[in-house]
Amino acid sequence: MAALTTRLSGLAPYALAALRIMAGLLFLAHGSQKLLGIPPRTNPAPELLSLFGIGGILELVGGALIVLGLFTRPVALLLSGEMAVAYFMFHAPKNFFPTLNGGDAAILFCFVFLYLAAAGPGALSLDGSRRI
């Protein structure tokens, strides 16, 4: 069992990178739908300086930065806060239960980004290549 633990712990930076990259790609997809219409949206495009527009900008740019692993800690902290605000402003008033108010993804993104802010980008990041 100790050998398995040792082998798996060596993969931890890569597992963290996989979590970072996949969360960033999913988040980026939300922003690209809001701002670029990719994939096609059913709602009209938001005004850029509205709450949804600013959220779309944060999702598109922040998601791309998370995927690249660039400025990971501050960007992840900002995005974690965005998701907390989104949950309490738009989801929680609908219903107490996240599965009924549609906010389960917002909660999950909030805590994944909070973890990335604390843990850093993991392997395969531009942050890691910038260190001297």
N, C-alpha and C. Protein backbone atom coordinates (compact mmCIF):
# COMPACT_ATOMS: atom_id res chain seq x y z
N MET A 1 0.82 -1.20 0.00
CA MET A 1 0.00 0.00 0.00
C MET A 1 0.86 1.26 0.00
N ALA A 2 1.99 1.21 0.68
CA ALA A 2 2.89 2.36 0.72
C ALA A 2 3.46 2.65 -0.67
N ALA A 3 3.74 1.59 -1.44
CA ALA A 3 4.28 1.79 -2.78
C ALA A 3 3.25 2.48 -3.67
N LEU A 4 1.99 2.10 -3.54
CA LEU A 4 0.92 2.72 -4.32
C LEU A 4 0.78 4.19 -3.94
N THR A 5 0.82 4.47 -2.65
CA THR A 5 0.73 5.85 -2.18
C THR A 5 1.89 6.69 -2.72
N THR A 6 3.07 6.13 -2.72
CA THR A 6 4.24 6.84 -3.24
C THR A 6 4.10 7.12 -4.72
N ARG A 7 3.64 6.13 -5.48
CA ARG A 7 3.47 6.32 -6.92
C ARG A 7 2.39 7.37 -7.21
N LEU A 8 1.28 7.29 -6.50
CA LEU A 8 0.19 8.25 -6.74
C LEU A 8 0.57 9.66 -6.32
N SER A 9 1.33 9.80 -5.25
CA SER A 9 1.71 11.14 -4.81
C SER A 9 2.61 11.82 -5.83
N GLY A 10 3.35 11.05 -6.61
CA GLY A 10 4.16 11.62 -7.67
C GLY A 10 3.33 12.18 -8.81
N LEU A 11 2.10 11.71 -8.93
CA LEU A 11 1.19 12.18 -9.98
C LEU A 11 0.36 13.38 -9.54
N ALA A 12 0.45 13.76 -8.27
CA ALA A 12 -0.40 14.83 -7.74
C ALA A 12 -0.29 16.15 -8.51
N PRO A 13 0.91 16.61 -8.88
CA PRO A 13 0.96 17.87 -9.65
C PRO A 13 0.26 17.78 -11.00
N TYR A 14 0.27 16.60 -11.61
CA TYR A 14 -0.39 16.41 -12.90
C TYR A 14 -1.91 16.28 -12.74
N ALA A 15 -2.34 15.67 -11.64
CA ALA A 15 -3.78 15.60 -11.36
C ALA A 15 -4.31 17.01 -11.08
N LEU A 16 -3.55 17.81 -10.36
CA LEU A 16 -3.93 19.19 -10.10
C LEU A 16 -4.00 19.98 -11.41
N ALA A 17 -3.05 19.75 -12.31
CA ALA A 17 -3.06 20.41 -13.62
C ALA A 17 -4.29 19.98 -14.42
N ALA A 18 -4.65 18.71 -14.37
CA ALA A 18 -5.83 18.23 -15.09
C ALA A 18 -7.09 18.90 -14.55
N LEU A 19 -7.19 19.02 -13.22
CA LEU A 19 -8.33 19.70 -12.61
C LEU A 19 -8.37 21.16 -13.06
N ARG A 20 -7.23 21.83 -13.03
CA ARG A 20 -7.15 23.23 -13.44
C ARG A 20 -7.55 23.42 -14.89
N ILE A 21 -7.02 22.59 -15.77
CA ILE A 21 -7.28 22.73 -17.20
C ILE A 21 -8.75 22.44 -17.52
N MET A 22 -9.30 21.38 -16.96
CA MET A 22 -10.70 21.04 -17.26
C MET A 22 -11.66 22.08 -16.67
N ALA A 23 -11.40 22.54 -15.45
CA ALA A 23 -12.25 23.58 -14.87
C ALA A 23 -12.17 24.85 -15.69
N GLY A 24 -10.97 25.20 -16.13
CA GLY A 24 -10.79 26.39 -16.97
C GLY A 24 -11.51 26.28 -18.30
N LEU A 25 -11.43 25.12 -18.94
CA LEU A 25 -12.11 24.92 -20.22
C LEU A 25 -13.63 25.01 -20.06
N LEU A 26 -14.16 24.38 -19.02
CA LEU A 26 -15.60 24.45 -18.79
C LEU A 26 -16.05 25.87 -18.49
N PHE A 27 -15.24 26.59 -17.72
CA PHE A 27 -15.57 27.97 -17.36
C PHE A 27 -15.48 28.87 -18.59
N LEU A 28 -14.45 28.67 -19.39
CA LEU A 28 -14.27 29.42 -20.62
C LEU A 28 -15.47 29.21 -21.56
N ALA A 29 -16.01 27.99 -21.59
CA ALA A 29 -17.17 27.70 -22.44
C ALA A 29 -18.39 28.53 -22.03
N HIS A 30 -18.55 28.76 -20.73
CA HIS A 30 -19.66 29.61 -20.27
C HIS A 30 -19.48 31.04 -20.78
N GLY A 31 -18.27 31.54 -20.70
CA GLY A 31 -18.00 32.90 -21.17
C GLY A 31 -18.12 33.03 -22.67
N SER A 32 -17.66 32.03 -23.42
CA SER A 32 -17.75 32.11 -24.88
C SER A 32 -19.20 32.04 -25.34
N GLN A 33 -20.02 31.32 -24.60
CA GLN A 33 -21.43 31.28 -24.97
C GLN A 33 -22.10 32.63 -24.70
N LYS A 34 -21.79 33.21 -23.54
CA LYS A 34 -22.40 34.51 -23.20
C LYS A 34 -21.96 35.61 -24.16
N LEU A 35 -20.67 35.68 -24.46
CA LEU A 35 -20.14 36.81 -25.22
C LEU A 35 -20.03 36.57 -26.72
N LEU A 36 -19.71 35.36 -27.12
CA LEU A 36 -19.44 35.09 -28.52
C LEU A 36 -20.54 34.27 -29.20
N GLY A 37 -21.46 33.73 -28.42
CA GLY A 37 -22.50 32.89 -28.99
C GLY A 37 -22.00 31.53 -29.45
N ILE A 38 -20.90 31.06 -28.86
CA ILE A 38 -20.34 29.75 -29.20
C ILE A 38 -20.29 28.91 -27.93
N PRO A 39 -21.05 27.85 -27.81
CA PRO A 39 -22.11 27.38 -28.70
C PRO A 39 -23.30 28.34 -28.70
N PRO A 40 -24.17 28.20 -29.71
CA PRO A 40 -25.28 29.16 -29.82
C PRO A 40 -26.11 29.23 -28.55
N ARG A 41 -26.50 30.44 -28.18
CA ARG A 41 -27.28 30.67 -26.97
C ARG A 41 -28.74 30.90 -27.34
N THR A 42 -29.61 30.69 -26.38
CA THR A 42 -31.04 30.94 -26.60
C THR A 42 -31.41 32.36 -26.17
N ASN A 43 -30.63 32.93 -25.27
CA ASN A 43 -30.89 34.30 -24.80
C ASN A 43 -30.09 35.29 -25.64
N PRO A 44 -30.54 36.55 -25.67
CA PRO A 44 -29.75 37.55 -26.39
C PRO A 44 -28.42 37.81 -25.67
N ALA A 45 -27.45 38.31 -26.42
CA ALA A 45 -26.14 38.62 -25.83
C ALA A 45 -26.31 39.71 -24.77
N PRO A 46 -25.62 39.56 -23.64
CA PRO A 46 -25.75 40.58 -22.59
C PRO A 46 -24.98 41.85 -22.95
N GLU A 47 -25.40 42.96 -22.37
CA GLU A 47 -24.61 44.20 -22.47
C GLU A 47 -23.28 43.96 -21.76
N LEU A 48 -22.19 44.44 -22.34
CA LEU A 48 -20.87 44.17 -21.76
C LEU A 48 -20.73 44.70 -20.34
N LEU A 49 -21.34 45.82 -20.03
CA LEU A 49 -21.18 46.39 -18.69
C LEU A 49 -22.32 46.02 -17.74
N SER A 50 -23.14 45.03 -18.11
CA SER A 50 -24.15 44.50 -17.20
C SER A 50 -23.50 43.43 -16.32
N LEU A 51 -24.23 42.95 -15.31
CA LEU A 51 -23.69 41.88 -14.47
C LEU A 51 -23.37 40.64 -15.30
N PHE A 52 -24.25 40.28 -16.22
CA PHE A 52 -24.00 39.11 -17.06
C PHE A 52 -22.84 39.34 -18.02
N GLY A 53 -22.71 40.55 -18.53
CA GLY A 53 -21.59 40.87 -19.42
C GLY A 53 -20.26 40.81 -18.71
N ILE A 54 -20.20 41.40 -17.53
CA ILE A 54 -18.96 41.36 -16.74
C ILE A 54 -18.66 39.91 -16.34
N GLY A 55 -19.71 39.16 -15.97
CA GLY A 55 -19.52 37.75 -15.67
C GLY A 55 -18.96 36.99 -16.87
N GLY A 56 -19.48 37.29 -18.06
CA GLY A 56 -18.99 36.65 -19.28
C GLY A 56 -17.54 36.98 -19.55
N ILE A 57 -17.15 38.23 -19.32
CA ILE A 57 -15.75 38.63 -19.50
C ILE A 57 -14.85 37.87 -18.52
N LEU A 58 -15.27 37.83 -17.25
CA LEU A 58 -14.49 37.08 -16.25
C LEU A 58 -14.39 35.61 -16.62
N GLU A 59 -15.48 35.04 -17.11
CA GLU A 59 -15.48 33.62 -17.47
C GLU A 59 -14.59 33.35 -18.68
N LEU A 60 -14.66 34.20 -19.68
CA LEU A 60 -13.88 33.99 -20.90
C LEU A 60 -12.38 34.22 -20.64
N VAL A 61 -12.05 35.38 -20.12
CA VAL A 61 -10.63 35.71 -19.88
C VAL A 61 -10.08 34.89 -18.72
N GLY A 62 -10.83 34.82 -17.62
CA GLY A 62 -10.37 34.05 -16.46
C GLY A 62 -10.22 32.58 -16.78
N GLY A 63 -11.18 32.02 -17.53
CA GLY A 63 -11.08 30.61 -17.92
C GLY A 63 -9.85 30.34 -18.75
N ALA A 64 -9.55 31.25 -19.69
CA ALA A 64 -8.35 31.09 -20.53
C ALA A 64 -7.08 31.16 -19.69
N LEU A 65 -7.02 32.10 -18.74
CA LEU A 65 -5.84 32.21 -17.87
C LEU A 65 -5.67 30.98 -16.99
N ILE A 66 -6.79 30.43 -16.52
CA ILE A 66 -6.72 29.22 -15.70
C ILE A 66 -6.21 28.05 -16.54
N VAL A 67 -6.71 27.90 -17.76
CA VAL A 67 -6.24 26.82 -18.65
C VAL A 67 -4.74 26.93 -18.87
N LEU A 68 -4.26 28.14 -19.12
CA LEU A 68 -2.83 28.35 -19.36
C LEU A 68 -2.01 28.25 -18.07
N GLY A 69 -2.66 28.38 -16.93
CA GLY A 69 -1.92 28.39 -15.68
C GLY A 69 -1.14 29.67 -15.51
N LEU A 70 -1.71 30.78 -15.94
CA LEU A 70 -1.05 32.08 -15.85
C LEU A 70 -1.78 32.94 -14.83
N PHE A 71 -1.04 33.44 -13.85
CA PHE A 71 -1.62 34.21 -12.73
C PHE A 71 -2.71 33.38 -12.03
N THR A 72 -2.46 32.11 -11.88
CA THR A 72 -3.46 31.16 -11.41
C THR A 72 -4.05 31.54 -10.06
N ARG A 73 -3.22 31.83 -9.09
CA ARG A 73 -3.74 32.09 -7.73
C ARG A 73 -4.65 33.31 -7.68
N PRO A 74 -4.23 34.49 -8.15
CA PRO A 74 -5.14 35.63 -8.06
C PRO A 74 -6.39 35.49 -8.94
N VAL A 75 -6.22 34.91 -10.12
CA VAL A 75 -7.38 34.73 -11.01
C VAL A 75 -8.36 33.74 -10.39
N ALA A 76 -7.86 32.64 -9.85
CA ALA A 76 -8.73 31.65 -9.22
C ALA A 76 -9.48 32.25 -8.03
N LEU A 77 -8.81 33.09 -7.25
CA LEU A 77 -9.48 33.73 -6.12
C LEU A 77 -10.60 34.65 -6.61
N LEU A 78 -10.33 35.42 -7.64
CA LEU A 78 -11.34 36.29 -8.22
C LEU A 78 -12.53 35.49 -8.75
N LEU A 79 -12.25 34.41 -9.47
CA LEU A 79 -13.33 33.59 -10.04
C LEU A 79 -14.11 32.86 -8.95
N SER A 80 -13.45 32.47 -7.89
CA SER A 80 -14.16 31.85 -6.76
C SER A 80 -15.16 32.84 -6.17
N GLY A 81 -14.73 34.07 -6.01
CA GLY A 81 -15.64 35.11 -5.51
C GLY A 81 -16.78 35.37 -6.47
N GLU A 82 -16.48 35.38 -7.77
CA GLU A 82 -17.54 35.58 -8.76
C GLU A 82 -18.61 34.50 -8.64
N MET A 83 -18.18 33.26 -8.47
CA MET A 83 -19.14 32.16 -8.37
C MET A 83 -19.94 32.21 -7.06
N ALA A 84 -19.32 32.65 -5.99
CA ALA A 84 -20.06 32.81 -4.74
C ALA A 84 -21.14 33.89 -4.89
N VAL A 85 -20.77 35.01 -5.50
CA VAL A 85 -21.73 36.09 -5.74
C VAL A 85 -22.84 35.60 -6.67
N ALA A 86 -22.47 34.90 -7.75
CA ALA A 86 -23.47 34.40 -8.69
C ALA A 86 -24.45 33.46 -7.99
N TYR A 87 -23.93 32.60 -7.13
CA TYR A 87 -24.81 31.66 -6.44
C TYR A 87 -25.81 32.41 -5.55
N PHE A 88 -25.31 33.31 -4.72
CA PHE A 88 -26.20 33.96 -3.76
C PHE A 88 -27.12 35.00 -4.41
N MET A 89 -26.71 35.57 -5.54
CA MET A 89 -27.57 36.55 -6.21
C MET A 89 -28.62 35.90 -7.11
N PHE A 90 -28.24 34.85 -7.82
CA PHE A 90 -29.12 34.32 -8.86
C PHE A 90 -29.70 32.94 -8.57
N HIS A 91 -29.01 32.12 -7.80
CA HIS A 91 -29.48 30.75 -7.59
C HIS A 91 -30.18 30.57 -6.25
N ALA A 92 -29.55 30.99 -5.18
CA ALA A 92 -30.10 30.77 -3.84
C ALA A 92 -31.51 31.34 -3.64
N PRO A 93 -31.82 32.52 -4.21
CA PRO A 93 -33.19 33.04 -4.02
C PRO A 93 -34.28 32.16 -4.64
N LYS A 94 -33.93 31.32 -5.60
CA LYS A 94 -34.94 30.47 -6.26
C LYS A 94 -35.40 29.32 -5.37
N ASN A 95 -34.45 28.73 -4.63
CA ASN A 95 -34.77 27.57 -3.81
C ASN A 95 -33.58 27.33 -2.88
N PHE A 96 -33.82 26.72 -1.73
CA PHE A 96 -32.75 26.44 -0.78
C PHE A 96 -31.79 25.38 -1.30
N PHE A 97 -32.31 24.39 -2.03
CA PHE A 97 -31.51 23.24 -2.45
C PHE A 97 -30.81 23.51 -3.78
N PRO A 98 -29.48 23.35 -3.82
CA PRO A 98 -28.73 23.63 -5.05
C PRO A 98 -29.18 22.82 -6.26
N THR A 99 -29.60 21.58 -6.04
CA THR A 99 -30.05 20.78 -7.18
C THR A 99 -31.36 21.30 -7.76
N LEU A 100 -32.12 22.03 -6.96
CA LEU A 100 -33.39 22.59 -7.44
C LEU A 100 -33.24 24.02 -7.93
N ASN A 101 -32.22 24.73 -7.48
CA ASN A 101 -32.07 26.13 -7.92
C ASN A 101 -31.06 26.29 -9.06
N GLY A 102 -30.46 25.18 -9.52
CA GLY A 102 -29.53 25.23 -10.64
C GLY A 102 -28.15 25.75 -10.27
N GLY A 103 -27.84 25.85 -9.00
CA GLY A 103 -26.59 26.45 -8.57
C GLY A 103 -25.49 25.47 -8.22
N ASP A 104 -25.70 24.18 -8.46
CA ASP A 104 -24.68 23.21 -8.06
C ASP A 104 -23.37 23.43 -8.81
N ALA A 105 -23.42 23.81 -10.08
CA ALA A 105 -22.17 24.09 -10.82
C ALA A 105 -21.47 25.32 -10.25
N ALA A 106 -22.23 26.35 -9.88
CA ALA A 106 -21.62 27.56 -9.31
C ALA A 106 -20.91 27.24 -8.00
N ILE A 107 -21.51 26.41 -7.18
CA ILE A 107 -20.88 26.01 -5.91
C ILE A 107 -19.60 25.22 -6.19
N LEU A 108 -19.68 24.28 -7.12
CA LEU A 108 -18.52 23.46 -7.43
C LEU A 108 -17.39 24.31 -8.00
N PHE A 109 -17.69 25.20 -8.95
CA PHE A 109 -16.67 26.11 -9.49
C PHE A 109 -16.07 26.96 -8.38
N CYS A 110 -16.91 27.46 -7.48
CA CYS A 110 -16.43 28.30 -6.38
C CYS A 110 -15.36 27.57 -5.58
N PHE A 111 -15.62 26.34 -5.21
CA PHE A 111 -14.68 25.62 -4.36
C PHE A 111 -13.49 25.06 -5.13
N VAL A 112 -13.66 24.72 -6.39
CA VAL A 112 -12.51 24.30 -7.20
C VAL A 112 -11.55 25.47 -7.36
N PHE A 113 -12.09 26.66 -7.66
CA PHE A 113 -11.23 27.82 -7.82
C PHE A 113 -10.60 28.24 -6.49
N LEU A 114 -11.33 28.09 -5.39
CA LEU A 114 -10.76 28.39 -4.09
C LEU A 114 -9.59 27.45 -3.80
N TYR A 115 -9.75 26.18 -4.16
CA TYR A 115 -8.66 25.22 -4.00
C TYR A 115 -7.45 25.60 -4.87
N LEU A 116 -7.71 25.98 -6.12
CA LEU A 116 -6.61 26.37 -7.00
C LEU A 116 -5.89 27.62 -6.48
N ALA A 117 -6.63 28.53 -5.88
CA ALA A 117 -6.00 29.72 -5.29
C ALA A 117 -5.05 29.32 -4.17
N ALA A 118 -5.41 28.31 -3.41
CA ALA A 118 -4.57 27.87 -2.29
C ALA A 118 -3.44 26.94 -2.76
N ALA A 119 -3.75 26.03 -3.68
CA ALA A 119 -2.78 25.00 -4.07
C ALA A 119 -1.85 25.43 -5.19
N GLY A 120 -2.26 26.40 -5.98
CA GLY A 120 -1.45 26.81 -7.13
C GLY A 120 -1.83 26.03 -8.37
N PRO A 121 -1.09 26.23 -9.45
CA PRO A 121 -1.49 25.69 -10.74
C PRO A 121 -1.16 24.23 -11.00
N GLY A 122 -0.24 23.65 -10.23
CA GLY A 122 0.20 22.29 -10.53
C GLY A 122 1.20 22.30 -11.67
N ALA A 123 1.37 21.16 -12.29
CA ALA A 123 2.33 21.01 -13.39
C ALA A 123 1.78 21.64 -14.66
N LEU A 124 2.62 21.76 -15.66
CA LEU A 124 2.22 22.19 -17.00
C LEU A 124 1.55 23.55 -17.00
N SER A 125 2.13 24.51 -16.32
CA SER A 125 1.54 25.85 -16.24
C SER A 125 2.57 26.88 -16.64
N LEU A 126 2.06 28.01 -17.14
CA LEU A 126 2.96 29.12 -17.45
C LEU A 126 3.50 29.75 -16.17
N ASP A 127 2.73 29.69 -15.09
CA ASP A 127 3.24 30.17 -13.81
C ASP A 127 4.51 29.42 -13.41
N GLY A 128 4.49 28.10 -13.60
CA GLY A 128 5.64 27.27 -13.26
C GLY A 128 6.85 27.57 -14.12
N SER A 129 6.62 27.90 -15.38
CA SER A 129 7.76 28.20 -16.26
C SER A 129 8.31 29.60 -16.05
N ARG A 130 7.54 30.47 -15.41
CA ARG A 130 7.99 31.84 -15.15
C ARG A 130 8.85 31.94 -13.90
N ARG A 131 8.82 30.92 -13.06
CA ARG A 131 9.61 30.97 -11.80
C ARG A 131 11.09 30.94 -12.10
N ILE A 132 11.80 31.78 -11.37
CA ILE A 132 13.27 31.86 -11.56
C ILE A 132 13.97 31.25 -10.37
